[in-house]
């Protein structure tokens, strides 16, 4: 496989991951962190870091809007739930 095709496939897989997370707004970031060790915010930070590595000026909120599909504050107001004691305990035991 040539490098351009590999990059296209990786980009397509990333877009599918972001779309999948968007379709599962019921899955909270703390659940993702507890189960997989990363969340939507991690993806936002990685996106921002990769942009900056390539000389693209991007702040964290702009990266979050790409991952969340809307401003983070709006997403948070609509979908984020208060973490349960069990979720927090699992997170803190990592």
PDB file of N, CA and C in Angstrom:
ATOM      1  N   UNK A   1       0.856  -1.172   0.000  1.00  0.00           N
ATOM      2  CA  UNK A   1       0.000   0.000   0.000  1.00  0.00           C
ATOM      3  C   UNK A   1       0.904   1.237   0.000  1.00  0.00           C
ATOM      4  N   UNK A   2       0.574   2.185  -0.855  1.00  0.00           N
ATOM      5  CA  UNK A   2       1.381   3.396  -0.888  1.00  0.00           C
ATOM      6  C   UNK A   2       1.008   4.324   0.267  1.00  0.00           C
ATOM      7  N   UNK A   3       1.886   5.239   0.598  1.00  0.00           N
ATOM      8  CA  UNK A   3       1.724   6.118   1.762  1.00  0.00           C
ATOM      9  C   UNK A   3       0.465   6.996   1.653  1.00  0.00           C
ATOM     10  N   UNK A   4       0.159   7.493   0.458  1.00  0.00           N
ATOM     11  CA  UNK A   4      -1.029   8.347   0.282  1.00  0.00           C
ATOM     12  C   UNK A   4      -2.308   7.561   0.581  1.00  0.00           C
ATOM     13  N   UNK A   5      -2.380   6.329   0.102  1.00  0.00           N
ATOM     14  CA  UNK A   5      -3.561   5.492   0.367  1.00  0.00           C
ATOM     15  C   UNK A   5      -3.668   5.182   1.848  1.00  0.00           C
ATOM     16  N   UNK A   6      -2.527   4.879   2.474  1.00  0.00           N
ATOM     17  CA  UNK A   6      -2.540   4.621   3.907  1.00  0.00           C
ATOM     18  C   UNK A   6      -3.064   5.833   4.670  1.00  0.00           C
ATOM     19  N   UNK A   7      -2.599   7.012   4.306  1.00  0.00           N
ATOM     20  CA  UNK A   7      -3.047   8.246   4.968  1.00  0.00           C
ATOM     21  C   UNK A   7      -4.546   8.461   4.757  1.00  0.00           C
ATOM     22  N   UNK A   8      -5.023   8.194   3.556  1.00  0.00           N
ATOM     23  CA  UNK A   8      -6.459   8.336   3.276  1.00  0.00           C
ATOM     24  C   UNK A   8      -7.277   7.372   4.137  1.00  0.00           C
ATOM     25  N   UNK A   9      -6.816   6.141   4.254  1.00  0.00           N
ATOM     26  CA  UNK A   9      -7.533   5.152   5.069  1.00  0.00           C
ATOM     27  C   UNK A   9      -7.518   5.543   6.541  1.00  0.00           C
ATOM     28  N   UNK A  10      -6.376   6.002   7.022  1.00  0.00           N
ATOM     29  CA  UNK A  10      -6.286   6.437   8.420  1.00  0.00           C
ATOM     30  C   UNK A  10      -7.214   7.614   8.680  1.00  0.00           C
ATOM     31  N   UNK A  11      -7.255   8.559   7.755  1.00  0.00           N
ATOM     32  CA  UNK A  11      -8.148   9.716   7.912  1.00  0.00           C
ATOM     33  C   UNK A  11      -9.603   9.273   7.902  1.00  0.00           C
ATOM     34  N   UNK A  12      -9.944   8.354   7.030  1.00  0.00           N
ATOM     35  CA  UNK A  12     -11.321   7.861   6.956  1.00  0.00           C
ATOM     36  C   UNK A  12     -11.697   7.125   8.241  1.00  0.00           C
ATOM     37  N   UNK A  13     -10.778   6.321   8.766  1.00  0.00           N
ATOM     38  CA  UNK A  13     -11.048   5.615  10.020  1.00  0.00           C
ATOM     39  C   UNK A  13     -11.225   6.599  11.168  1.00  0.00           C
ATOM     40  N   UNK A  14     -10.414   7.652  11.194  1.00  0.00           N
ATOM     41  CA  UNK A  14     -10.549   8.679  12.225  1.00  0.00           C
ATOM     42  C   UNK A  14     -11.917   9.360  12.118  1.00  0.00           C
ATOM     43  N   UNK A  15     -12.326   9.705  10.898  1.00  0.00           N
ATOM     44  CA  UNK A  15     -13.647  10.337  10.728  1.00  0.00           C
ATOM     45  C   UNK A  15     -14.757   9.405  11.196  1.00  0.00           C
ATOM     46  N   UNK A  16     -14.623   8.113  10.945  1.00  0.00           N
ATOM     47  CA  UNK A  16     -15.624   7.149  11.419  1.00  0.00           C
ATOM     48  C   UNK A  16     -15.637   7.074  12.938  1.00  0.00           C
ATOM     49  N   UNK A  17     -14.462   7.115  13.563  1.00  0.00           N
ATOM     50  CA  UNK A  17     -14.397   7.113  15.023  1.00  0.00           C
ATOM     51  C   UNK A  17     -15.104   8.341  15.585  1.00  0.00           C
ATOM     52  N   UNK A  18     -14.827   9.506  15.031  1.00  0.00           N
ATOM     53  CA  UNK A  18     -15.463  10.733  15.508  1.00  0.00           C
ATOM     54  C   UNK A  18     -16.978  10.657  15.291  1.00  0.00           C
ATOM     55  N   UNK A  19     -17.402  10.155  14.149  1.00  0.00           N
ATOM     56  CA  UNK A  19     -18.843  10.011  13.877  1.00  0.00           C
ATOM     57  C   UNK A  19     -19.478   9.005  14.839  1.00  0.00           C
ATOM     58  N   UNK A  20     -18.778   7.934  15.117  1.00  0.00           N
ATOM     59  CA  UNK A  20     -19.305   6.932  16.053  1.00  0.00           C
ATOM     60  C   UNK A  20     -19.467   7.545  17.443  1.00  0.00           C
ATOM     61  N   UNK A  21     -18.447   8.263  17.909  1.00  0.00           N
ATOM     62  CA  UNK A  21     -18.565   8.913  19.215  1.00  0.00           C
ATOM     63  C   UNK A  21     -19.706   9.921  19.218  1.00  0.00           C
ATOM     64  N   UNK A  22     -19.891  10.605  18.098  1.00  0.00           N
ATOM     65  CA  UNK A  22     -20.994  11.567  18.007  1.00  0.00           C
ATOM     66  C   UNK A  22     -22.347  10.861  18.092  1.00  0.00           C
ATOM     67  N   UNK A  23     -22.412   9.652  17.555  1.00  0.00           N
ATOM     68  CA  UNK A  23     -23.687   8.917  17.600  1.00  0.00           C
ATOM     69  C   UNK A  23     -23.933   8.292  18.973  1.00  0.00           C
ATOM     70  N   UNK A  24     -22.920   8.295  19.833  1.00  0.00           N
ATOM     71  CA  UNK A  24     -23.039   7.703  21.167  1.00  0.00           C
ATOM     72  C   UNK A  24     -22.814   8.760  22.242  1.00  0.00           C
ATOM     73  N   UNK A  25     -23.620   9.806  22.168  1.00  0.00           N
ATOM     74  CA  UNK A  25     -23.514  10.871  23.167  1.00  0.00           C
ATOM     75  C   UNK A  25     -23.864  10.371  24.568  1.00  0.00           C
ATOM     76  N   UNK A  26     -24.532   9.217  24.632  1.00  0.00           N
ATOM     77  CA  UNK A  26     -24.851   8.631  25.925  1.00  0.00           C
ATOM     78  C   UNK A  26     -23.604   8.114  26.643  1.00  0.00           C
ATOM     79  N   UNK A  27     -22.557   7.852  25.911  1.00  0.00           N
ATOM     80  CA  UNK A  27     -21.307   7.379  26.506  1.00  0.00           C
ATOM     81  C   UNK A  27     -20.531   8.602  26.991  1.00  0.00           C
ATOM     82  N   UNK A  28     -20.360   8.687  28.261  1.00  0.00           N
ATOM     83  CA  UNK A  28     -19.696   9.833  28.872  1.00  0.00           C
ATOM     84  C   UNK A  28     -18.176   9.711  28.738  1.00  0.00           C
ATOM     85  N   UNK A  29     -17.502  10.848  28.737  1.00  0.00           N
ATOM     86  CA  UNK A  29     -16.047  10.844  28.637  1.00  0.00           C
ATOM     87  C   UNK A  29     -15.398  10.045  29.760  1.00  0.00           C
ATOM     88  N   UNK A  30     -15.952  10.129  30.956  1.00  0.00           N
ATOM     89  CA  UNK A  30     -15.362   9.385  32.073  1.00  0.00           C
ATOM     90  C   UNK A  30     -15.466   7.882  31.837  1.00  0.00           C
ATOM     91  N   UNK A  31     -16.547   7.444  31.182  1.00  0.00           N
ATOM     92  CA  UNK A  31     -16.679   6.032  30.830  1.00  0.00           C
ATOM     93  C   UNK A  31     -15.592   5.630  29.837  1.00  0.00           C
ATOM     94  N   UNK A  32     -15.367   6.476  28.837  1.00  0.00           N
ATOM     95  CA  UNK A  32     -14.313   6.201  27.862  1.00  0.00           C
ATOM     96  C   UNK A  32     -12.953   6.147  28.539  1.00  0.00           C
ATOM     97  N   UNK A  33     -12.689   7.089  29.432  1.00  0.00           N
ATOM     98  CA  UNK A  33     -11.408   7.103  30.143  1.00  0.00           C
ATOM     99  C   UNK A  33     -11.238   5.841  30.980  1.00  0.00           C
ATOM    100  N   UNK A  34     -12.293   5.448  31.679  1.00  0.00           N
ATOM    101  CA  UNK A  34     -12.208   4.272  32.540  1.00  0.00           C
ATOM    102  C   UNK A  34     -12.015   2.985  31.747  1.00  0.00           C
ATOM    103  N   UNK A  35     -12.635   2.897  30.594  1.00  0.00           N
ATOM    104  CA  UNK A  35     -12.562   1.668  29.808  1.00  0.00           C
ATOM    105  C   UNK A  35     -11.407   1.642  28.810  1.00  0.00           C
ATOM    106  N   UNK A  36     -11.132   2.787  28.193  1.00  0.00           N
ATOM    107  CA  UNK A  36     -10.169   2.795  27.092  1.00  0.00           C
ATOM    108  C   UNK A  36      -8.930   3.650  27.345  1.00  0.00           C
ATOM    109  N   UNK A  37      -8.981   4.482  28.364  1.00  0.00           N
ATOM    110  CA  UNK A  37      -7.831   5.321  28.663  1.00  0.00           C
ATOM    111  C   UNK A  37      -7.728   6.571  27.812  1.00  0.00           C
ATOM    112  N   UNK A  38      -8.771   6.880  27.056  1.00  0.00           N
ATOM    113  CA  UNK A  38      -8.825   8.118  26.288  1.00  0.00           C
ATOM    114  C   UNK A  38     -10.284   8.527  26.137  1.00  0.00           C
ATOM    115  N   UNK A  39     -10.488   9.797  25.797  1.00  0.00           N
ATOM    116  CA  UNK A  39     -11.855  10.295  25.610  1.00  0.00           C
ATOM    117  C   UNK A  39     -11.868  11.331  24.499  1.00  0.00           C
ATOM    118  N   UNK A  40     -13.003  11.966  24.321  1.00  0.00           N
ATOM    119  CA  UNK A  40     -13.135  12.997  23.293  1.00  0.00           C
ATOM    120  C   UNK A  40     -12.159  14.148  23.531  1.00  0.00           C
ATOM    121  N   UNK A  41     -11.950  14.492  24.794  1.00  0.00           N
ATOM    122  CA  UNK A  41     -10.998  15.566  25.101  1.00  0.00           C
ATOM    123  C   UNK A  41      -9.578  15.165  24.721  1.00  0.00           C
ATOM    124  N   UNK A  42      -9.231  13.909  24.931  1.00  0.00           N
ATOM    125  CA  UNK A  42      -7.907  13.424  24.512  1.00  0.00           C
ATOM    126  C   UNK A  42      -7.765  13.563  23.000  1.00  0.00           C
ATOM    127  N   UNK A  43      -8.784  13.137  22.254  1.00  0.00           N
ATOM    128  CA  UNK A  43      -8.733  13.269  20.801  1.00  0.00           C
ATOM    129  C   UNK A  43      -8.554  14.729  20.400  1.00  0.00           C
ATOM    130  N   UNK A  44      -9.226  15.628  21.108  1.00  0.00           N
ATOM    131  CA  UNK A  44      -9.091  17.059  20.822  1.00  0.00           C
ATOM    132  C   UNK A  44      -7.659  17.528  21.048  1.00  0.00           C
ATOM    133  N   UNK A  45      -7.061  17.085  22.141  1.00  0.00           N
ATOM    134  CA  UNK A  45      -5.668  17.467  22.442  1.00  0.00           C
ATOM    135  C   UNK A  45      -4.715  16.896  21.400  1.00  0.00           C
ATOM    136  N   UNK A  46      -4.937  15.665  20.985  1.00  0.00           N
ATOM    137  CA  UNK A  46      -4.078  15.046  19.970  1.00  0.00           C
ATOM    138  C   UNK A  46      -4.227  15.778  18.641  1.00  0.00           C
ATOM    139  N   UNK A  47      -5.452  16.153  18.286  1.00  0.00           N
ATOM    140  CA  UNK A  47      -5.717  16.870  17.039  1.00  0.00           C
ATOM    141  C   UNK A  47      -4.984  18.204  17.045  1.00  0.00           C
ATOM    142  N   UNK A  48      -5.114  18.933  18.151  1.00  0.00           N
ATOM    143  CA  UNK A  48      -4.445  20.226  18.300  1.00  0.00           C
ATOM    144  C   UNK A  48      -2.938  20.059  18.197  1.00  0.00           C
ATOM    145  N   UNK A  49      -2.383  19.074  18.866  1.00  0.00           N
ATOM    146  CA  UNK A  49      -0.939  18.837  18.844  1.00  0.00           C
ATOM    147  C   UNK A  49      -0.447  18.535  17.429  1.00  0.00           C
ATOM    148  N   UNK A  50      -1.199  17.721  16.696  1.00  0.00           N
ATOM    149  CA  UNK A  50      -0.807  17.396  15.323  1.00  0.00           C
ATOM    150  C   UNK A  50      -0.896  18.621  14.421  1.00  0.00           C
ATOM    151  N   UNK A  51      -1.910  19.454  14.630  1.00  0.00           N
ATOM    152  CA  UNK A  51      -2.015  20.694  13.850  1.00  0.00           C
ATOM    153  C   UNK A  51      -0.808  21.586  14.129  1.00  0.00           C
ATOM    154  N   UNK A  52      -0.490  21.767  15.385  1.00  0.00           N
ATOM    155  CA  UNK A  52       0.625  22.630  15.748  1.00  0.00           C
ATOM    156  C   UNK A  52       1.951  22.076  15.243  1.00  0.00           C
ATOM    157  N   UNK A  53       2.109  20.760  15.259  1.00  0.00           N
ATOM    158  CA  UNK A  53       3.328  20.143  14.742  1.00  0.00           C
ATOM    159  C   UNK A  53       3.523  20.458  13.267  1.00  0.00           C
ATOM    160  N   UNK A  54       2.420  20.704  12.581  1.00  0.00           N
ATOM    161  CA  UNK A  54       2.468  21.021  11.153  1.00  0.00           C
ATOM    162  C   UNK A  54       2.405  22.519  10.890  1.00  0.00           C
ATOM    163  N   UNK A  55       2.568  23.317  11.953  1.00  0.00           N
ATOM    164  CA  UNK A  55       2.599  24.766  11.800  1.00  0.00           C
ATOM    165  C   UNK A  55       1.239  25.419  11.673  1.00  0.00           C
ATOM    166  N   UNK A  56       0.189  24.695  12.031  1.00  0.00           N
ATOM    167  CA  UNK A  56      -1.170  25.229  11.966  1.00  0.00           C
ATOM    168  C   UNK A  56      -1.534  25.752  13.345  1.00  0.00           C
ATOM    169  N   UNK A  57      -1.890  27.020  13.411  1.00  0.00           N
ATOM    170  CA  UNK A  57      -2.269  27.629  14.689  1.00  0.00           C
ATOM    171  C   UNK A  57      -3.693  27.201  15.033  1.00  0.00           C
ATOM    172  N   UNK A  58      -3.824  26.424  16.091  1.00  0.00           N
ATOM    173  CA  UNK A  58      -5.140  25.942  16.517  1.00  0.00           C
ATOM    174  C   UNK A  58      -5.157  25.900  18.030  1.00  0.00           C
ATOM    175  N   UNK A  59      -6.220  26.453  18.610  1.00  0.00           N
ATOM    176  CA  UNK A  59      -6.335  26.363  20.065  1.00  0.00           C
ATOM    177  C   UNK A  59      -7.195  25.155  20.438  1.00  0.00           C
ATOM    178  N   UNK A  60      -7.163  24.853  21.717  1.00  0.00           N
ATOM    179  CA  UNK A  60      -7.854  23.665  22.233  1.00  0.00           C
ATOM    180  C   UNK A  60      -9.355  23.720  21.945  1.00  0.00           C
ATOM    181  N   UNK A  61      -9.967  24.871  22.108  1.00  0.00           N
ATOM    182  CA  UNK A  61     -11.419  24.968  21.881  1.00  0.00           C
ATOM    183  C   UNK A  61     -11.773  24.723  20.415  1.00  0.00           C
ATOM    184  N   UNK A  62     -10.937  25.174  19.499  1.00  0.00           N
ATOM    185  CA  UNK A  62     -11.191  24.916  18.076  1.00  0.00           C
ATOM    186  C   UNK A  62     -11.085  23.419  17.787  1.00  0.00           C
ATOM    187  N   UNK A  63     -10.100  22.769  18.384  1.00  0.00           N
ATOM    188  CA  UNK A  63      -9.951  21.327  18.205  1.00  0.00           C
ATOM    189  C   UNK A  63     -11.141  20.590  18.811  1.00  0.00           C
ATOM    190  N   UNK A  64     -11.578  21.028  19.975  1.00  0.00           N
ATOM    191  CA  UNK A  64     -12.750  20.396  20.601  1.00  0.00           C
ATOM    192  C   UNK A  64     -13.977  20.511  19.711  1.00  0.00           C
ATOM    193  N   UNK A  65     -14.165  21.667  19.082  1.00  0.00           N
ATOM    194  CA  UNK A  65     -15.336  21.854  18.217  1.00  0.00           C
ATOM    195  C   UNK A  65     -15.293  20.878  17.046  1.00  0.00           C
ATOM    196  N   UNK A  66     -14.112  20.568  16.541  1.00  0.00           N
ATOM    197  CA  UNK A  66     -13.985  19.594  15.455  1.00  0.00           C
ATOM    198  C   UNK A  66     -14.385  18.211  15.951  1.00  0.00           C
ATOM    199  N   UNK A  67     -13.926  17.830  17.125  1.00  0.00           N
ATOM    200  CA  UNK A  67     -14.216  16.497  17.663  1.00  0.00           C
ATOM    201  C   UNK A  67     -15.664  16.378  18.140  1.00  0.00           C
ATOM    202  N   UNK A  68     -16.157  17.390  18.823  1.00  0.00           N
ATOM    203  CA  UNK A  68     -17.514  17.338  19.375  1.00  0.00           C
ATOM    204  C   UNK A  68     -18.597  17.707  18.360  1.00  0.00           C
ATOM    205  N   UNK A  69     -18.206  18.343  17.257  1.00  0.00           N
ATOM    206  CA  UNK A  69     -19.180  18.739  16.239  1.00  0.00           C
ATOM    207  C   UNK A  69     -19.943  19.998  16.567  1.00  0.00           C
ATOM    208  N   UNK A  70     -19.571  20.654  17.639  1.00  0.00           N
ATOM    209  CA  UNK A  70     -20.181  21.906  18.083  1.00  0.00           C
ATOM    210  C   UNK A  70     -19.306  22.452  19.208  1.00  0.00           C
ATOM    211  N   UNK A  71     -19.511  23.702  19.585  1.00  0.00           N
ATOM    212  CA  UNK A  71     -18.713  24.213  20.710  1.00  0.00           C
ATOM    213  C   UNK A  71     -18.876  23.310  21.932  1.00  0.00           C
ATOM    214  N   UNK A  72     -17.754  23.046  22.600  1.00  0.00           N
ATOM    215  CA  UNK A  72     -17.768  22.124  23.735  1.00  0.00           C
ATOM    216  C   UNK A  72     -18.778  22.542  24.794  1.00  0.00           C
ATOM    217  N   UNK A  73     -18.865  23.831  25.093  1.00  0.00           N
ATOM    218  CA  UNK A  73     -19.803  24.300  26.119  1.00  0.00           C
ATOM    219  C   UNK A  73     -21.241  23.903  25.767  1.00  0.00           C
ATOM    220  N   UNK A  74     -21.591  23.991  24.495  1.00  0.00           N
ATOM    221  CA  UNK A  74     -22.944  23.599  24.062  1.00  0.00           C
ATOM    222  C   UNK A  74     -23.134  22.093  24.231  1.00  0.00           C
ATOM    223  N   UNK A  75     -22.133  21.305  23.790  1.00  0.00           N
ATOM    224  CA  UNK A  75     -22.217  19.848  23.923  1.00  0.00           C
ATOM    225  C   UNK A  75     -22.356  19.462  25.391  1.00  0.00           C
ATOM    226  N   UNK A  76     -21.539  20.086  26.223  1.00  0.00           N
ATOM    227  CA  UNK A  76     -21.534  19.778  27.657  1.00  0.00           C
ATOM    228  C   UNK A  76     -22.903  20.066  28.279  1.00  0.00           C
ATOM    229  N   UNK A  77     -23.491  21.213  27.932  1.00  0.00           N
ATOM    230  CA  UNK A  77     -24.811  21.567  28.463  1.00  0.00           C
ATOM    231  C   UNK A  77     -25.883  20.561  28.044  1.00  0.00           C
ATOM    232  N   UNK A  78     -25.778  20.050  26.832  1.00  0.00           N
ATOM    233  CA  UNK A  78     -26.795  19.141  26.302  1.00  0.00           C
ATOM    234  C   UNK A  78     -26.616  17.694  26.760  1.00  0.00           C
ATOM    235  N   UNK A  79     -25.362  17.226  26.845  1.00  0.00           N
ATOM    236  CA  UNK A  79     -25.139  15.792  26.959  1.00  0.00           C
ATOM    237  C   UNK A  79     -24.347  15.315  28.180  1.00  0.00           C
ATOM    238  N   UNK A  80     -23.533  16.171  28.755  1.00  0.00           N
ATOM    239  CA  UNK A  80     -22.687  15.689  29.843  1.00  0.00           C
ATOM    240  C   UNK A  80     -23.482  15.549  31.129  1.00  0.00           C
ATOM    241  N   UNK A  81     -23.309  14.404  31.759  1.00  0.00           N
ATOM    242  CA  UNK A  81     -23.977  14.136  33.025  1.00  0.00           C
ATOM    243  C   UNK A  81     -22.955  14.221  34.152  1.00  0.00           C
ATOM    244  N   UNK A  82     -23.438  14.428  35.344  1.00  0.00           N
ATOM    245  CA  UNK A  82     -22.562  14.438  36.514  1.00  0.00           C
ATOM    246  C   UNK A  82     -21.997  13.030  36.707  1.00  0.00           C
ATOM    247  N   UNK A  83     -20.702  12.951  36.932  1.00  0.00           N
ATOM    248  CA  UNK A  83     -20.070  11.642  37.154  1.00  0.00           C
ATOM    249  C   UNK A  83     -20.583  11.035  38.456  1.00  0.00           C
ATOM    250  N   UNK A  84     -20.809   9.743  38.421  1.00  0.00           N
ATOM    251  CA  UNK A  84     -21.260   9.039  39.625  1.00  0.00           C
ATOM    252  C   UNK A  84     -20.057   8.771  40.529  1.00  0.00           C
ATOM    253  N   UNK A  85     -20.347   8.430  41.771  1.00  0.00           N
ATOM    254  CA  UNK A  85     -19.286   8.082  42.710  1.00  0.00           C
ATOM    255  C   UNK A  85     -18.488   6.885  42.197  1.00  0.00           C
ATOM    256  N   UNK A  86     -19.170   5.925  41.569  1.00  0.00           N
ATOM    257  CA  UNK A  86     -18.503   4.743  41.039  1.00  0.00           C
ATOM    258  C   UNK A  86     -17.572   5.105  39.877  1.00  0.00           C
ATOM    259  N   UNK A  87     -18.046   5.971  38.995  1.00  0.00           N
ATOM    260  CA  UNK A  87     -17.210   6.406  37.874  1.00  0.00           C
ATOM    261  C   UNK A  87     -15.964   7.134  38.374  1.00  0.00           C
ATOM    262  N   UNK A  88     -16.153   8.020  39.326  1.00  0.00           N
ATOM    263  CA  UNK A  88     -15.019   8.772  39.864  1.00  0.00           C
ATOM    264  C   UNK A  88     -14.039   7.855  40.584  1.00  0.00           C
ATOM    265  N   UNK A  89     -14.548   6.886  41.336  1.00  0.00           N
ATOM    266  CA  UNK A  89     -13.672   5.947  42.041  1.00  0.00           C
ATOM    267  C   UNK A  89     -12.856   5.140  41.041  1.00  0.00           C
ATOM    268  N   UNK A  90     -13.483   4.672  39.980  1.00  0.00           N
ATOM    269  CA  UNK A  90     -12.762   3.906  38.951  1.00  0.00           C
ATOM    270  C   UNK A  90     -11.704   4.782  38.286  1.00  0.00           C
ATOM    271  N   UNK A  91     -12.043   6.020  38.018  1.00  0.00           N
ATOM    272  CA  UNK A  91     -11.098   6.948  37.386  1.00  0.00           C
ATOM    273  C   UNK A  91      -9.911   7.223  38.297  1.00  0.00           C
ATOM    274  N   UNK A  92     -10.179   7.432  39.553  1.00  0.00           N
ATOM    275  CA  UNK A  92      -9.123   7.763  40.498  1.00  0.00           C
ATOM    276  C   UNK A  92      -8.235   6.577  40.847  1.00  0.00           C
ATOM    277  N   UNK A  93      -8.707   5.373  40.548  1.00  0.00           N
ATOM    278  CA  UNK A  93      -7.908   4.165  40.814  1.00  0.00           C
ATOM    279  C   UNK A  93      -7.023   3.777  39.636  1.00  0.00           C
ATOM    280  N   UNK A  94      -7.006   4.578  38.608  1.00  0.00           N
ATOM    281  CA  UNK A  94      -6.180   4.277  37.417  1.00  0.00           C
ATOM    282  C   UNK A  94      -4.740   4.642  37.684  1.00  0.00           C
TER     283      UNK A  94
END
